[in-house]
Amino acid sequence: MSEFTPAGMTALRDPGPMLEHTRRQWGGQHDLWVFAYGSLIWRPEFAFDEQRPARVHGWHRALKMWSRINRGTPECPGLVFGMLSGGSCQGAVFRIPRHEAESALVRLWHREMMTGVYDPRWLRCHTPQGPVSALAFTLSRRSPSHTGNLSEADYRRIFSQSCGKFGTTLDYVRQTHEGLLKLGIHDRSLARLLQLAPCSPG
């Protein structure tokens, strides 16, 4: 079992070699940039020296990734965001100083790559100060964690029922939406999804 995979969790791919490959691509000679499009926006869990709004072309944020631990259970799966190919995605980039980047990478792997579900990529991110190459965690449509197309009824049910180790799918989506708004980013498709959420009582 990989050091990144806790007991009881099944790894799709061994995340260890993927971390080593990413380390080699980074090289360790400069600061590390990370692109955030979901919970990393509002809960990065690493020290950074700079944050910028950023846009990536060729990828888009999609609430189409099953979560059976963090935001749901095996019996009632929840959802988290993945970045799928096509379109464009607005988010944020964080610059992690070089001397802290190694420990930040390990923490990112424990958080994002415990089951090897994502495909880490270096993407060109456009920021107001110019483009940067940043590490991003993308999702393949061939992954068993990709939901495929979900109906409005599916989203309503998941928003109403799914809750996992870190809380509900609905809270996760709302926090991401609020984090984007704080950056001045208005994700219309995400706002439309939230209209499917059940109304609060009272």
C-alpha atoms as a PDB file:
ATOM      1  CA  MET A   1       0.000   0.000   0.000  1.00  0.00           C
ATOM      2  CA  SER A   2       1.299   3.476  -0.877  1.00  0.00           C
ATOM      3  CA  GLU A   3       2.282   5.806   1.961  1.00  0.00           C
ATOM      4  CA  PHE A   4      -0.388   8.148   0.588  1.00  0.00           C
ATOM      5  CA  THR A   5      -3.223   5.623   0.790  1.00  0.00           C
ATOM      6  CA  PRO A   6      -4.748   5.141   4.254  1.00  0.00           C
ATOM      7  CA  ALA A   7      -6.099   1.770   5.307  1.00  0.00           C
ATOM      8  CA  GLY A   8      -9.527   1.130   3.867  1.00  0.00           C
ATOM      9  CA  MET A   9      -8.987   3.252   0.756  1.00  0.00           C
ATOM     10  CA  THR A  10      -8.314   1.720  -2.653  1.00  0.00           C
ATOM     11  CA  ALA A  11      -5.793   3.472  -4.873  1.00  0.00           C
ATOM     12  CA  LEU A  12      -6.619   3.708  -8.566  1.00  0.00           C
ATOM     13  CA  ARG A  13      -2.911   4.321  -9.290  1.00  0.00           C
ATOM     14  CA  ASP A  14       0.150   4.466  -7.088  1.00  0.00           C
ATOM     15  CA  PRO A  15       0.609   8.185  -6.303  1.00  0.00           C
ATOM     16  CA  GLY A  16       4.277   7.819  -5.297  1.00  0.00           C
ATOM     17  CA  PRO A  17       5.774   7.624  -8.825  1.00  0.00           C
ATOM     18  CA  MET A  18       3.457  10.434  -9.914  1.00  0.00           C
ATOM     19  CA  LEU A  19       4.902  12.641  -7.173  1.00  0.00           C
ATOM     20  CA  GLU A  20       8.455  11.783  -8.225  1.00  0.00           C
ATOM     21  CA  HIS A  21       7.638  12.620 -11.843  1.00  0.00           C
ATOM     22  CA  THR A  22       6.144  15.965 -10.812  1.00  0.00           C
ATOM     23  CA  ARG A  23       9.204  16.723  -8.663  1.00  0.00           C
ATOM     24  CA  ARG A  24      11.481  16.099 -11.647  1.00  0.00           C
ATOM     25  CA  GLN A  25       9.372  18.305 -13.890  1.00  0.00           C
ATOM     26  CA  TRP A  26       9.471  21.125 -11.332  1.00  0.00           C
ATOM     27  CA  GLY A  27      13.226  20.749 -10.855  1.00  0.00           C
ATOM     28  CA  GLY A  28      13.488  22.505  -7.496  1.00  0.00           C
ATOM     29  CA  GLN A  29      15.319  25.531  -8.901  1.00  0.00           C
ATOM     30  CA  HIS A  30      12.502  28.066  -8.650  1.00  0.00           C
ATOM     31  CA  ASP A  31       9.297  28.848  -6.796  1.00  0.00           C
ATOM     32  CA  LEU A  32       6.355  26.501  -7.293  1.00  0.00           C
ATOM     33  CA  TRP A  33       3.076  27.741  -8.738  1.00  0.00           C
ATOM     34  CA  VAL A  34      -0.164  25.826  -8.045  1.00  0.00           C
ATOM     35  CA  PHE A  35      -3.481  26.409  -9.828  1.00  0.00           C
ATOM     36  CA  ALA A  36      -6.587  26.234  -7.624  1.00  0.00           C
ATOM     37  CA  TYR A  37     -10.105  25.779  -8.996  1.00  0.00           C
ATOM     38  CA  GLY A  38     -12.002  24.153  -6.089  1.00  0.00           C
ATOM     39  CA  SER A  39     -11.364  23.840  -2.369  1.00  0.00           C
ATOM     40  CA  LEU A  40      -7.719  24.885  -2.739  1.00  0.00           C
ATOM     41  CA  ILE A  41      -9.078  28.402  -3.340  1.00  0.00           C
ATOM     42  CA  TRP A  42     -10.588  28.685   0.136  1.00  0.00           C
ATOM     43  CA  ARG A  43      -8.505  26.086   2.024  1.00  0.00           C
ATOM     44  CA  PRO A  44      -5.015  25.867   0.503  1.00  0.00           C
ATOM     45  CA  GLU A  45      -3.269  24.387   3.589  1.00  0.00           C
ATOM     46  CA  PHE A  46       0.183  25.529   2.497  1.00  0.00           C
ATOM     47  CA  ALA A  47       2.188  28.708   2.937  1.00  0.00           C
ATOM     48  CA  PHE A  48       2.416  30.958  -0.110  1.00  0.00           C
ATOM     49  CA  ASP A  49       4.001  34.307  -0.933  1.00  0.00           C
ATOM     50  CA  GLU A  50       1.582  35.421  -3.622  1.00  0.00           C
ATOM     51  CA  GLN A  51      -1.928  34.760  -4.911  1.00  0.00           C
ATOM     52  CA  ARG A  52      -3.296  35.912  -8.269  1.00  0.00           C
ATOM     53  CA  PRO A  53      -6.559  35.389 -10.158  1.00  0.00           C
ATOM     54  CA  ALA A  54      -5.851  33.211 -13.168  1.00  0.00           C
ATOM     55  CA  ARG A  55      -7.464  31.672 -16.227  1.00  0.00           C
ATOM     56  CA  VAL A  56      -6.555  28.401 -17.936  1.00  0.00           C
ATOM     57  CA  HIS A  57      -7.602  27.664 -21.503  1.00  0.00           C
ATOM     58  CA  GLY A  58      -8.437  24.131 -22.613  1.00  0.00           C
ATOM     59  CA  TRP A  59      -9.864  23.007 -19.253  1.00  0.00           C
ATOM     60  CA  HIS A  60     -12.994  23.752 -17.248  1.00  0.00           C
ATOM     61  CA  ARG A  61     -14.244  23.261 -13.676  1.00  0.00           C
ATOM     62  CA  ALA A  62     -16.935  20.564 -13.423  1.00  0.00           C
ATOM     63  CA  LEU A  63     -18.842  19.107 -10.475  1.00  0.00           C
ATOM     64  CA  LYS A  64     -18.493  15.640 -11.959  1.00  0.00           C
ATOM     65  CA  MET A  65     -16.213  13.693  -9.656  1.00  0.00           C
ATOM     66  CA  TRP A  66     -17.523  11.150  -7.165  1.00  0.00           C
ATOM     67  CA  SER A  67     -16.526  11.560  -3.519  1.00  0.00           C
ATOM     68  CA  ARG A  68     -17.155   8.504  -1.364  1.00  0.00           C
ATOM     69  CA  ILE A  69     -15.216   9.641   1.713  1.00  0.00           C
ATOM     70  CA  ASN A  70     -14.719  13.405   1.984  1.00  0.00           C
ATOM     71  CA  ARG A  71     -18.136  14.620   0.791  1.00  0.00           C
ATOM     72  CA  GLY A  72     -20.142  11.420   0.652  1.00  0.00           C
ATOM     73  CA  THR A  73     -20.087   7.726   1.518  1.00  0.00           C
ATOM     74  CA  PRO A  74     -19.900   4.532  -0.553  1.00  0.00           C
ATOM     75  CA  GLU A  75     -23.644   4.142   0.016  1.00  0.00           C
ATOM     76  CA  CYS A  76     -24.477   7.775  -0.788  1.00  0.00           C
ATOM     77  CA  PRO A  77     -21.672   9.255  -2.887  1.00  0.00           C
ATOM     78  CA  GLY A  78     -21.144  12.983  -2.969  1.00  0.00           C
ATOM     79  CA  LEU A  79     -19.399  15.191  -5.481  1.00  0.00           C
ATOM     80  CA  VAL A  80     -16.285  17.323  -5.723  1.00  0.00           C
ATOM     81  CA  PHE A  81     -14.875  19.403  -8.561  1.00  0.00           C
ATOM     82  CA  GLY A  82     -12.561  18.079 -11.198  1.00  0.00           C
ATOM     83  CA  MET A  83     -10.989  19.961 -14.075  1.00  0.00           C
ATOM     84  CA  LEU A  84     -12.036  18.390 -17.373  1.00  0.00           C
ATOM     85  CA  SER A  85     -10.656  19.097 -20.817  1.00  0.00           C
ATOM     86  CA  GLY A  86     -12.383  21.712 -22.958  1.00  0.00           C
ATOM     87  CA  GLY A  87     -13.417  25.312 -22.455  1.00  0.00           C
ATOM     88  CA  SER A  88     -11.664  27.531 -19.927  1.00  0.00           C
ATOM     89  CA  CYS A  89     -11.421  27.810 -16.162  1.00  0.00           C
ATOM     90  CA  GLN A  90     -11.015  30.804 -13.873  1.00  0.00           C
ATOM     91  CA  GLY A  91      -9.418  30.258 -10.498  1.00  0.00           C
ATOM     92  CA  ALA A  92      -6.321  31.330  -8.606  1.00  0.00           C
ATOM     93  CA  VAL A  93      -2.619  30.600  -8.695  1.00  0.00           C
ATOM     94  CA  PHE A  94      -0.475  30.456  -5.571  1.00  0.00           C
ATOM     95  CA  ARG A  95       3.279  31.017  -5.566  1.00  0.00           C
ATOM     96  CA  ILE A  96       5.007  28.816  -3.013  1.00  0.00           C
ATOM     97  CA  PRO A  97       8.591  29.853  -2.208  1.00  0.00           C
ATOM     98  CA  ARG A  98      11.185  27.361  -3.417  1.00  0.00           C
ATOM     99  CA  HIS A  99      12.433  26.486   0.083  1.00  0.00           C
ATOM    100  CA  GLU A 100       8.905  25.479   1.138  1.00  0.00           C
ATOM    101  CA  ALA A 101       7.784  23.875  -2.112  1.00  0.00           C
ATOM    102  CA  GLU A 102       8.992  20.328  -1.350  1.00  0.00           C
ATOM    103  CA  SER A 103       6.952  20.062   1.854  1.00  0.00           C
ATOM    104  CA  ALA A 104       3.996  21.727   0.108  1.00  0.00           C
ATOM    105  CA  LEU A 105       4.133  19.103  -2.665  1.00  0.00           C
ATOM    106  CA  VAL A 106       4.022  16.278  -0.128  1.00  0.00           C
ATOM    107  CA  ARG A 107       1.033  17.875   1.631  1.00  0.00           C
ATOM    108  CA  LEU A 108      -0.712  18.363  -1.698  1.00  0.00           C
ATOM    109  CA  TRP A 109      -0.190  14.682  -2.554  1.00  0.00           C
ATOM    110  CA  HIS A 110      -1.613  13.567   0.788  1.00  0.00           C
ATOM    111  CA  ARG A 111      -4.620  15.773   0.197  1.00  0.00           C
ATOM    112  CA  GLU A 112      -5.311  15.443  -3.532  1.00  0.00           C
ATOM    113  CA  MET A 113      -3.555  12.271  -4.657  1.00  0.00           C
ATOM    114  CA  MET A 114      -4.108   9.645  -1.966  1.00  0.00           C
ATOM    115  CA  THR A 115      -5.927   7.417  -4.445  1.00  0.00           C
ATOM    116  CA  GLY A 116      -4.096   8.605  -7.563  1.00  0.00           C
ATOM    117  CA  VAL A 117      -7.344   9.804  -9.096  1.00  0.00           C
ATOM    118  CA  TYR A 118      -6.083  13.041 -10.654  1.00  0.00           C
ATOM    119  CA  ASP A 119      -3.702  13.599 -13.545  1.00  0.00           C
ATOM    120  CA  PRO A 120      -1.209  16.259 -12.378  1.00  0.00           C
ATOM    121  CA  ARG A 121      -0.328  18.651 -15.208  1.00  0.00           C
ATOM    122  CA  TRP A 122       1.684  21.822 -15.715  1.00  0.00           C
ATOM    123  CA  LEU A 123      -0.673  24.320 -17.304  1.00  0.00           C
ATOM    124  CA  ARG A 124      -0.133  27.788 -18.697  1.00  0.00           C
ATOM    125  CA  CYS A 125      -2.118  30.130 -16.460  1.00  0.00           C
ATOM    126  CA  HIS A 126      -2.886  33.682 -17.552  1.00  0.00           C
ATOM    127  CA  THR A 127      -2.738  36.242 -14.750  1.00  0.00           C
ATOM    128  CA  PRO A 128      -2.921  40.066 -14.673  1.00  0.00           C
ATOM    129  CA  GLN A 129       0.879  40.120 -14.185  1.00  0.00           C
ATOM    130  CA  GLY A 130       1.569  37.716 -17.052  1.00  0.00           C
ATOM    131  CA  PRO A 131       1.480  33.951 -17.678  1.00  0.00           C
ATOM    132  CA  VAL A 132       2.905  31.360 -15.294  1.00  0.00           C
ATOM    133  CA  SER A 133       3.284  27.584 -15.502  1.00  0.00           C
ATOM    134  CA  ALA A 134       1.398  26.048 -12.591  1.00  0.00           C
ATOM    135  CA  LEU A 135       0.699  22.572 -11.273  1.00  0.00           C
ATOM    136  CA  ALA A 136      -2.957  21.603 -11.646  1.00  0.00           C
ATOM    137  CA  PHE A 137      -4.897  18.462 -10.761  1.00  0.00           C
ATOM    138  CA  THR A 138      -6.997  17.438 -13.763  1.00  0.00           C
ATOM    139  CA  LEU A 139      -9.508  14.622 -14.176  1.00  0.00           C
ATOM    140  CA  SER A 140      -9.785  12.204 -17.077  1.00  0.00           C
ATOM    141  CA  ARG A 141     -13.226  11.343 -18.396  1.00  0.00           C
ATOM    142  CA  ARG A 142     -11.971   7.739 -18.439  1.00  0.00           C
ATOM    143  CA  SER A 143     -11.498   7.780 -14.662  1.00  0.00           C
ATOM    144  CA  PRO A 144     -13.953   5.628 -12.686  1.00  0.00           C
ATOM    145  CA  SER A 145     -14.395   8.689 -10.451  1.00  0.00           C
ATOM    146  CA  HIS A 146     -15.806  10.724 -13.339  1.00  0.00           C
ATOM    147  CA  THR A 147     -19.587  10.792 -13.049  1.00  0.00           C
ATOM    148  CA  GLY A 148     -20.457  11.308 -16.677  1.00  0.00           C
ATOM    149  CA  ASN A 149     -23.543  13.423 -17.290  1.00  0.00           C
ATOM    150  CA  LEU A 150     -25.776  14.004 -14.278  1.00  0.00           C
ATOM    151  CA  SER A 151     -29.377  15.181 -14.395  1.00  0.00           C
ATOM    152  CA  GLU A 152     -30.836  18.065 -12.396  1.00  0.00           C
ATOM    153  CA  ALA A 153     -32.609  15.437 -10.281  1.00  0.00           C
ATOM    154  CA  ASP A 154     -29.252  13.793  -9.537  1.00  0.00           C
ATOM    155  CA  TYR A 155     -27.774  17.084  -8.336  1.00  0.00           C
ATOM    156  CA  ARG A 156     -30.846  17.827  -6.202  1.00  0.00           C
ATOM    157  CA  ARG A 157     -30.622  14.424  -4.549  1.00  0.00           C
ATOM    158  CA  ILE A 158     -26.882  14.714  -3.908  1.00  0.00           C
ATOM    159  CA  PHE A 159     -27.221  18.254  -2.531  1.00  0.00           C
ATOM    160  CA  SER A 160     -29.974  17.026  -0.215  1.00  0.00           C
ATOM    161  CA  GLN A 161     -28.370  13.813   1.037  1.00  0.00           C
ATOM    162  CA  SER A 162     -24.620  13.457   0.524  1.00  0.00           C
ATOM    163  CA  CYS A 163     -22.349  14.055   3.503  1.00  0.00           C
ATOM    164  CA  GLY A 164     -18.890  12.705   4.253  1.00  0.00           C
ATOM    165  CA  LYS A 165     -15.862  13.083   6.472  1.00  0.00           C
ATOM    166  CA  PHE A 166     -15.461  16.811   5.772  1.00  0.00           C
ATOM    167  CA  GLY A 167     -19.142  17.737   5.491  1.00  0.00           C
ATOM    168  CA  THR A 168     -21.783  17.913   2.810  1.00  0.00           C
ATOM    169  CA  THR A 169     -21.368  18.232  -0.921  1.00  0.00           C
ATOM    170  CA  LEU A 170     -23.601  21.300  -0.783  1.00  0.00           C
ATOM    171  CA  ASP A 171     -21.398  23.101   1.751  1.00  0.00           C
ATOM    172  CA  TYR A 172     -18.332  22.300  -0.355  1.00  0.00           C
ATOM    173  CA  VAL A 173     -19.951  23.753  -3.473  1.00  0.00           C
ATOM    174  CA  ARG A 174     -21.173  26.846  -1.654  1.00  0.00           C
ATOM    175  CA  GLN A 175     -17.735  27.495  -0.155  1.00  0.00           C
ATOM    176  CA  THR A 176     -16.129  27.194  -3.574  1.00  0.00           C
ATOM    177  CA  HIS A 177     -18.683  29.589  -5.049  1.00  0.00           C
ATOM    178  CA  GLU A 178     -18.042  32.096  -2.251  1.00  0.00           C
ATOM    179  CA  GLY A 179     -14.273  31.737  -2.658  1.00  0.00           C
ATOM    180  CA  LEU A 180     -14.581  32.490  -6.374  1.00  0.00           C
ATOM    181  CA  LEU A 181     -16.750  35.538  -5.709  1.00  0.00           C
ATOM    182  CA  LYS A 182     -14.110  36.902  -3.318  1.00  0.00           C
ATOM    183  CA  LEU A 183     -11.682  36.759  -6.242  1.00  0.00           C
ATOM    184  CA  GLY A 184     -14.185  38.601  -8.443  1.00  0.00           C
ATOM    185  CA  ILE A 185     -14.954  35.424 -10.434  1.00  0.00           C
ATOM    186  CA  HIS A 186     -18.576  34.799 -11.399  1.00  0.00           C
ATOM    187  CA  ASP A 187     -19.008  31.174 -12.487  1.00  0.00           C
ATOM    188  CA  ARG A 188     -22.472  31.162 -14.043  1.00  0.00           C
ATOM    189  CA  SER A 189     -22.702  27.394 -14.431  1.00  0.00           C
ATOM    190  CA  LEU A 190     -21.833  26.926 -10.786  1.00  0.00           C
ATOM    191  CA  ALA A 191     -24.419  29.535  -9.766  1.00  0.00           C
ATOM    192  CA  ARG A 192     -27.044  27.668 -11.828  1.00  0.00           C
ATOM    193  CA  LEU A 193     -26.151  24.397 -10.085  1.00  0.00           C
ATOM    194  CA  LEU A 194     -26.634  26.012  -6.690  1.00  0.00           C
ATOM    195  CA  GLN A 195     -30.152  27.004  -7.713  1.00  0.00           C
ATOM    196  CA  LEU A 196     -30.927  23.264  -7.563  1.00  0.00           C
ATOM    197  CA  ALA A 197     -30.059  23.142  -3.860  1.00  0.00           C
ATOM    198  CA  PRO A 198     -32.921  22.690  -1.379  1.00  0.00           C
ATOM    199  CA  CYS A 199     -34.116  25.847   0.275  1.00  0.00           C
ATOM    200  CA  SER A 200     -33.148  26.329   3.913  1.00  0.00           C
ATOM    201  CA  PRO A 201     -36.087  25.894   6.290  1.00  0.00           C
ATOM    202  CA  GLY A 202     -37.646  29.100   7.563  1.00  0.00           C
END
